[in-house]
N, C-alpha and C. Protein backbone atom coordinates (compact mmCIF):
# COMPACT_ATOMS: atom_id res chain seq x y z
N UNK A 1 27.54 83.97 72.05
CA UNK A 1 26.75 84.35 73.19
C UNK A 1 25.89 83.16 73.62
N UNK A 2 25.81 82.94 74.90
CA UNK A 2 24.96 81.91 75.47
C UNK A 2 23.85 82.59 76.26
N UNK A 3 22.64 82.02 76.19
CA UNK A 3 21.51 82.59 76.93
C UNK A 3 20.44 81.52 77.13
N UNK A 4 19.47 81.86 77.96
CA UNK A 4 18.34 80.96 78.20
C UNK A 4 17.31 81.13 77.09
N UNK A 5 16.54 80.09 76.84
CA UNK A 5 15.43 80.15 75.89
C UNK A 5 14.32 80.97 76.55
N UNK A 6 13.77 81.92 75.84
CA UNK A 6 12.73 82.78 76.40
C UNK A 6 11.34 82.39 75.89
N UNK A 7 10.34 82.91 76.54
CA UNK A 7 8.97 82.71 76.07
C UNK A 7 8.78 83.34 74.69
N UNK A 8 9.46 84.45 74.43
CA UNK A 8 9.40 85.06 73.09
C UNK A 8 10.00 84.13 72.04
N UNK A 9 11.07 83.41 72.40
CA UNK A 9 11.69 82.47 71.45
C UNK A 9 10.70 81.38 71.04
N UNK A 10 10.05 80.77 72.02
CA UNK A 10 9.12 79.68 71.70
C UNK A 10 7.87 80.24 71.02
N UNK A 11 7.48 81.46 71.34
CA UNK A 11 6.32 82.08 70.69
C UNK A 11 6.59 82.37 69.21
N UNK A 12 7.85 82.42 68.83
CA UNK A 12 8.19 82.59 67.42
C UNK A 12 8.06 81.26 66.66
N UNK A 13 7.92 80.17 67.40
CA UNK A 13 7.83 78.84 66.80
C UNK A 13 6.41 78.27 66.85
N UNK A 14 5.70 78.52 67.93
CA UNK A 14 4.32 78.04 68.07
C UNK A 14 3.43 79.23 68.42
N UNK A 15 2.15 79.09 68.19
CA UNK A 15 1.22 80.20 68.43
C UNK A 15 0.89 80.34 69.91
N UNK A 16 0.38 81.50 70.26
CA UNK A 16 -0.06 81.73 71.64
C UNK A 16 -1.17 80.76 72.02
N UNK A 17 -2.06 80.46 71.08
CA UNK A 17 -3.15 79.51 71.35
C UNK A 17 -2.58 78.13 71.68
N UNK A 18 -1.55 77.72 70.96
CA UNK A 18 -0.92 76.42 71.22
C UNK A 18 -0.22 76.42 72.58
N UNK A 19 0.42 77.53 72.91
CA UNK A 19 1.06 77.64 74.22
C UNK A 19 0.03 77.55 75.35
N UNK A 20 -1.10 78.23 75.17
CA UNK A 20 -2.14 78.22 76.20
C UNK A 20 -2.77 76.84 76.34
N UNK A 21 -2.94 76.12 75.24
CA UNK A 21 -3.46 74.75 75.30
C UNK A 21 -2.51 73.88 76.12
N UNK A 22 -1.21 74.03 75.90
CA UNK A 22 -0.23 73.26 76.66
C UNK A 22 -0.30 73.62 78.14
N UNK A 23 -0.37 74.92 78.43
CA UNK A 23 -0.45 75.34 79.84
C UNK A 23 -1.67 74.73 80.53
N UNK A 24 -2.81 74.72 79.84
CA UNK A 24 -4.04 74.17 80.44
C UNK A 24 -3.98 72.66 80.60
N UNK A 25 -3.14 72.00 79.82
CA UNK A 25 -3.05 70.53 79.89
C UNK A 25 -2.21 70.05 81.07
N UNK A 26 -1.49 70.94 81.69
CA UNK A 26 -0.62 70.61 82.82
C UNK A 26 -1.32 70.94 84.14
N UNK A 27 -1.15 70.10 85.15
CA UNK A 27 -1.72 70.45 86.46
C UNK A 27 -1.08 71.74 86.98
N UNK A 28 -1.84 72.54 87.68
CA UNK A 28 -1.33 73.82 88.19
C UNK A 28 -0.40 73.56 89.37
N UNK A 29 0.89 73.77 89.11
CA UNK A 29 1.89 73.57 90.16
C UNK A 29 2.41 74.91 90.69
N UNK A 30 1.86 75.99 90.15
CA UNK A 30 2.35 77.31 90.53
C UNK A 30 3.50 77.77 89.66
N UNK A 31 4.00 76.88 88.80
CA UNK A 31 5.09 77.23 87.88
C UNK A 31 4.57 77.11 86.45
N UNK A 32 5.06 77.97 85.59
CA UNK A 32 4.65 77.95 84.19
C UNK A 32 5.20 76.68 83.53
N UNK A 33 4.32 75.79 83.04
CA UNK A 33 4.79 74.55 82.43
C UNK A 33 5.63 74.78 81.17
N UNK A 34 5.42 75.90 80.50
CA UNK A 34 6.24 76.22 79.32
C UNK A 34 7.68 76.47 79.76
N UNK A 35 7.86 77.21 80.83
CA UNK A 35 9.21 77.49 81.35
C UNK A 35 9.87 76.18 81.78
N UNK A 36 9.12 75.31 82.44
CA UNK A 36 9.67 74.01 82.85
C UNK A 36 10.11 73.22 81.62
N UNK A 37 9.29 73.20 80.58
CA UNK A 37 9.64 72.50 79.34
C UNK A 37 10.87 73.10 78.69
N UNK A 38 10.95 74.43 78.64
CA UNK A 38 12.11 75.09 78.02
C UNK A 38 13.38 74.82 78.81
N UNK A 39 13.29 74.78 80.12
CA UNK A 39 14.46 74.46 80.94
C UNK A 39 14.92 73.02 80.70
N UNK A 40 13.96 72.11 80.56
CA UNK A 40 14.31 70.73 80.25
C UNK A 40 14.94 70.60 78.88
N UNK A 41 14.43 71.36 77.93
CA UNK A 41 14.99 71.36 76.58
C UNK A 41 16.42 71.90 76.62
N UNK A 42 16.63 72.97 77.36
CA UNK A 42 17.98 73.54 77.48
C UNK A 42 18.93 72.52 78.12
N UNK A 43 18.46 71.79 79.11
CA UNK A 43 19.30 70.76 79.74
C UNK A 43 19.68 69.68 78.73
N UNK A 44 18.75 69.31 77.87
CA UNK A 44 19.05 68.31 76.84
C UNK A 44 20.08 68.84 75.85
N UNK A 45 19.90 70.08 75.39
CA UNK A 45 20.86 70.69 74.47
C UNK A 45 22.24 70.76 75.12
N UNK A 46 22.29 71.15 76.38
CA UNK A 46 23.57 71.22 77.10
C UNK A 46 24.22 69.84 77.20
N UNK A 47 23.42 68.79 77.37
CA UNK A 47 23.97 67.44 77.46
C UNK A 47 24.63 67.05 76.14
N UNK A 48 24.00 67.37 75.03
CA UNK A 48 24.62 67.08 73.73
C UNK A 48 25.89 67.92 73.57
N UNK A 49 25.85 69.18 73.96
CA UNK A 49 27.04 70.04 73.86
C UNK A 49 28.16 69.51 74.75
N UNK A 50 27.81 69.02 75.92
CA UNK A 50 28.80 68.49 76.86
C UNK A 50 29.54 67.29 76.25
N UNK A 51 28.85 66.54 75.39
CA UNK A 51 29.47 65.38 74.74
C UNK A 51 30.52 65.77 73.72
N UNK A 52 30.50 67.02 73.27
CA UNK A 52 31.48 67.53 72.32
C UNK A 52 32.58 68.21 73.13
N UNK A 53 33.74 67.60 73.19
CA UNK A 53 34.81 68.10 74.06
C UNK A 53 35.37 69.45 73.60
N UNK A 54 34.96 69.93 72.44
CA UNK A 54 35.44 71.23 71.95
C UNK A 54 34.62 72.40 72.47
N UNK A 55 33.52 72.11 73.15
CA UNK A 55 32.61 73.16 73.58
C UNK A 55 32.76 73.42 75.08
N UNK A 56 32.96 74.68 75.43
CA UNK A 56 32.97 75.10 76.83
C UNK A 56 31.55 75.54 77.16
N UNK A 57 30.93 74.93 78.17
CA UNK A 57 29.56 75.26 78.56
C UNK A 57 29.52 76.47 79.47
N UNK A 58 28.42 77.19 79.39
CA UNK A 58 28.18 78.29 80.32
C UNK A 58 28.04 77.71 81.73
N UNK A 59 28.56 78.41 82.73
CA UNK A 59 28.40 77.92 84.10
C UNK A 59 26.98 78.12 84.62
N UNK A 60 26.17 78.88 83.90
CA UNK A 60 24.80 79.16 84.34
C UNK A 60 23.84 78.13 83.74
N UNK A 61 23.08 77.48 84.61
CA UNK A 61 22.11 76.48 84.17
C UNK A 61 21.13 77.10 83.19
N UNK A 62 20.69 76.32 82.24
CA UNK A 62 19.69 76.68 81.24
C UNK A 62 20.21 77.57 80.12
N UNK A 63 21.48 77.94 80.13
CA UNK A 63 22.01 78.73 79.02
C UNK A 63 22.57 77.80 77.96
N UNK A 64 22.23 78.12 76.70
CA UNK A 64 22.71 77.37 75.55
C UNK A 64 23.24 78.36 74.53
N UNK A 65 24.00 77.88 73.55
CA UNK A 65 24.49 78.80 72.52
C UNK A 65 23.33 79.47 71.78
N UNK A 66 23.47 80.75 71.52
CA UNK A 66 22.44 81.50 70.81
C UNK A 66 22.12 80.84 69.46
N UNK A 67 23.12 80.24 68.83
CA UNK A 67 22.92 79.62 67.53
C UNK A 67 22.04 78.36 67.62
N UNK A 68 21.78 77.86 68.82
CA UNK A 68 20.96 76.66 68.98
C UNK A 68 19.57 76.95 69.53
N UNK A 69 19.23 78.22 69.72
CA UNK A 69 17.92 78.58 70.28
C UNK A 69 16.79 78.10 69.37
N UNK A 70 16.88 78.38 68.08
CA UNK A 70 15.82 77.98 67.15
C UNK A 70 15.70 76.46 67.11
N UNK A 71 16.82 75.77 67.07
CA UNK A 71 16.82 74.31 67.10
C UNK A 71 16.13 73.81 68.37
N UNK A 72 16.43 74.40 69.50
CA UNK A 72 15.82 74.00 70.77
C UNK A 72 14.31 74.26 70.74
N UNK A 73 13.90 75.35 70.14
CA UNK A 73 12.47 75.65 70.05
C UNK A 73 11.76 74.67 69.12
N UNK A 74 12.41 74.27 68.03
CA UNK A 74 11.83 73.25 67.16
C UNK A 74 11.65 71.94 67.92
N UNK A 75 12.62 71.62 68.75
CA UNK A 75 12.54 70.40 69.56
C UNK A 75 11.38 70.52 70.56
N UNK A 76 11.31 71.62 71.29
CA UNK A 76 10.29 71.82 72.33
C UNK A 76 8.89 71.94 71.73
N UNK A 77 8.79 72.52 70.54
CA UNK A 77 7.47 72.70 69.90
C UNK A 77 6.75 71.37 69.75
N UNK A 78 7.48 70.33 69.44
CA UNK A 78 6.86 69.01 69.29
C UNK A 78 6.16 68.59 70.57
N UNK A 79 6.83 68.79 71.71
CA UNK A 79 6.23 68.42 73.00
C UNK A 79 5.01 69.28 73.31
N UNK A 80 5.06 70.52 72.92
CA UNK A 80 3.91 71.41 73.14
C UNK A 80 2.74 70.97 72.26
N UNK A 81 3.02 70.71 71.00
CA UNK A 81 1.96 70.44 70.04
C UNK A 81 1.37 69.04 70.15
N UNK A 82 2.08 68.11 70.73
CA UNK A 82 1.51 66.77 70.84
C UNK A 82 0.33 66.75 71.81
N UNK A 83 0.17 67.80 72.60
CA UNK A 83 -0.98 67.91 73.50
C UNK A 83 -2.10 68.76 72.90
N UNK A 84 -1.84 69.32 71.74
CA UNK A 84 -2.83 70.17 71.08
C UNK A 84 -3.85 69.29 70.38
N UNK A 85 -5.12 69.68 70.36
CA UNK A 85 -6.14 68.81 69.78
C UNK A 85 -6.04 68.62 68.26
N UNK A 86 -5.27 69.44 67.58
CA UNK A 86 -5.14 69.28 66.14
C UNK A 86 -4.06 68.25 65.82
N UNK A 87 -4.10 67.75 64.61
CA UNK A 87 -3.14 66.73 64.18
C UNK A 87 -1.74 67.34 64.02
N UNK A 88 -0.72 66.59 64.43
CA UNK A 88 0.67 67.01 64.27
C UNK A 88 1.01 66.98 62.77
N UNK A 89 1.61 68.06 62.28
CA UNK A 89 1.95 68.11 60.86
C UNK A 89 3.28 67.41 60.59
N UNK A 90 3.46 67.03 59.33
CA UNK A 90 4.73 66.43 58.93
C UNK A 90 5.87 67.42 59.10
N UNK A 91 5.60 68.70 58.86
CA UNK A 91 6.64 69.72 59.01
C UNK A 91 7.15 69.76 60.45
N UNK A 92 6.25 69.64 61.42
CA UNK A 92 6.66 69.64 62.84
C UNK A 92 7.45 68.39 63.19
N UNK A 93 7.02 67.25 62.65
CA UNK A 93 7.75 66.00 62.90
C UNK A 93 9.15 66.07 62.29
N UNK A 94 9.23 66.63 61.09
CA UNK A 94 10.52 66.77 60.42
C UNK A 94 11.42 67.73 61.18
N UNK A 95 10.86 68.84 61.68
CA UNK A 95 11.66 69.81 62.45
C UNK A 95 12.22 69.16 63.70
N UNK A 96 11.44 68.33 64.38
CA UNK A 96 11.91 67.63 65.59
C UNK A 96 13.04 66.67 65.23
N UNK A 97 12.83 65.88 64.15
CA UNK A 97 13.86 64.93 63.72
C UNK A 97 15.14 65.65 63.33
N UNK A 98 15.00 66.76 62.59
CA UNK A 98 16.17 67.54 62.19
C UNK A 98 16.91 68.09 63.41
N UNK A 99 16.17 68.54 64.42
CA UNK A 99 16.79 69.05 65.64
C UNK A 99 17.59 67.95 66.33
N UNK A 100 17.01 66.76 66.42
CA UNK A 100 17.71 65.64 67.05
C UNK A 100 18.95 65.27 66.25
N UNK A 101 18.82 65.24 64.92
CA UNK A 101 19.98 64.92 64.07
C UNK A 101 21.10 65.93 64.26
N UNK A 102 20.75 67.21 64.36
CA UNK A 102 21.78 68.24 64.57
C UNK A 102 22.42 68.10 65.94
N UNK A 103 21.63 67.78 66.95
CA UNK A 103 22.19 67.58 68.29
C UNK A 103 23.15 66.40 68.30
N UNK A 104 22.80 65.34 67.58
CA UNK A 104 23.70 64.19 67.48
C UNK A 104 24.99 64.58 66.77
N UNK A 105 24.91 65.44 65.75
CA UNK A 105 26.10 65.92 65.04
C UNK A 105 26.99 66.74 65.97
N UNK A 106 26.36 67.52 66.84
CA UNK A 106 27.12 68.31 67.81
C UNK A 106 27.84 67.37 68.77
N UNK A 107 27.13 66.40 69.29
CA UNK A 107 27.74 65.46 70.24
C UNK A 107 28.90 64.70 69.60
N UNK A 108 28.78 64.38 68.32
CA UNK A 108 29.81 63.63 67.61
C UNK A 108 30.99 64.50 67.17
N UNK A 109 30.87 65.81 67.38
CA UNK A 109 31.95 66.71 66.99
C UNK A 109 31.94 67.08 65.52
N UNK A 110 30.88 66.73 64.80
CA UNK A 110 30.77 67.08 63.38
C UNK A 110 30.31 68.53 63.20
N UNK A 111 29.64 69.06 64.19
CA UNK A 111 29.16 70.43 64.20
C UNK A 111 29.47 71.00 65.57
N UNK A 112 30.13 72.16 65.61
CA UNK A 112 30.51 72.74 66.89
C UNK A 112 30.01 74.17 66.99
N UNK A 113 28.97 74.41 67.81
CA UNK A 113 28.51 75.78 68.01
C UNK A 113 29.51 76.54 68.87
N UNK A 114 29.24 77.82 69.03
CA UNK A 114 30.14 78.66 69.80
C UNK A 114 30.24 78.19 71.26
N UNK A 115 31.44 78.24 71.79
CA UNK A 115 31.64 77.94 73.20
C UNK A 115 31.29 79.16 74.03
N UNK A 116 31.06 78.91 75.29
CA UNK A 116 30.80 80.01 76.22
C UNK A 116 32.08 80.80 76.43
N UNK A 117 31.96 82.09 76.48
CA UNK A 117 33.09 82.97 76.81
C UNK A 117 32.54 84.16 77.57
N UNK A 118 33.19 84.51 78.65
CA UNK A 118 32.83 85.72 79.38
C UNK A 118 33.14 86.92 78.50
N UNK A 119 32.44 88.04 78.68
CA UNK A 119 32.76 89.23 77.89
C UNK A 119 34.25 89.57 77.99
N UNK A 120 34.87 89.82 76.83
CA UNK A 120 36.29 90.16 76.79
C UNK A 120 37.20 88.97 76.57
N UNK A 121 36.67 87.75 76.68
CA UNK A 121 37.48 86.57 76.44
C UNK A 121 37.49 86.24 74.95
N UNK A 122 38.57 85.58 74.50
CA UNK A 122 38.62 85.08 73.14
C UNK A 122 37.73 83.85 73.08
N UNK A 123 36.78 83.79 72.12
CA UNK A 123 35.90 82.64 72.06
C UNK A 123 36.64 81.37 71.70
N UNK A 124 36.09 80.24 72.12
CA UNK A 124 36.67 78.95 71.79
C UNK A 124 36.70 78.79 70.28
N UNK A 125 37.74 78.14 69.77
CA UNK A 125 37.86 77.98 68.33
C UNK A 125 38.58 79.15 67.69
N UNK A 126 39.09 80.06 68.48
CA UNK A 126 39.82 81.21 67.96
C UNK A 126 41.22 81.19 68.56
N UNK A 127 42.14 81.71 67.83
CA UNK A 127 43.50 81.85 68.35
C UNK A 127 43.86 83.32 68.30
N UNK A 128 44.93 83.67 68.94
CA UNK A 128 45.40 85.05 68.92
C UNK A 128 46.65 85.13 68.08
N UNK A 129 46.66 86.10 67.18
CA UNK A 129 47.83 86.30 66.34
C UNK A 129 48.96 86.84 67.19
N UNK A 130 50.16 86.24 67.12
CA UNK A 130 51.26 86.71 67.95
C UNK A 130 51.74 88.11 67.55
N UNK A 131 51.44 88.52 66.32
CA UNK A 131 51.90 89.82 65.86
C UNK A 131 50.91 90.92 66.21
N UNK A 132 49.63 90.66 65.94
CA UNK A 132 48.62 91.72 66.12
C UNK A 132 47.72 91.53 67.32
N UNK A 133 47.83 90.41 68.00
CA UNK A 133 47.01 90.14 69.17
C UNK A 133 45.52 90.29 68.86
N UNK A 134 45.10 89.82 67.66
CA UNK A 134 43.69 89.86 67.28
C UNK A 134 43.22 88.43 67.06
N UNK A 135 41.95 88.14 67.40
CA UNK A 135 41.47 86.77 67.25
C UNK A 135 41.25 86.42 65.79
N UNK A 136 41.53 85.17 65.45
CA UNK A 136 41.29 84.61 64.13
C UNK A 136 40.55 83.29 64.33
N UNK A 137 39.50 83.06 63.56
CA UNK A 137 38.73 81.83 63.68
C UNK A 137 39.49 80.68 63.05
N UNK A 138 39.46 79.55 63.70
CA UNK A 138 40.00 78.33 63.14
C UNK A 138 38.86 77.64 62.41
N UNK A 139 39.05 77.35 61.15
CA UNK A 139 37.98 76.71 60.38
C UNK A 139 38.19 75.24 60.26
């Protein structure tokens, strides 16, 4: 399944107080700066996925594989927290580095998340058995 990163997703990674600090640090453009950041993060994740020729991207902008939502939030959290008045923790720095390393692995074809598939389609990386017409994962 592919979907957009939600405010609930990022709220599971950073606190509401941290989100509000980030919002206040941005000039008021009439758009939620958190949403703008999440859309930019999704575009980055999609760019890494696009580099892996085994992945079919969703035709809808800002949608990424569900399996990469947490990784994307770890990546975005760093940008949110670098504007927070408290010191950035080593755990946050490590989470950002790990997210980048995983994205590089995806681009290199070492790790392949689920491809986009419309409901009812056989997902990428699966074949259909000629006898039973049921999908089987290729490992």
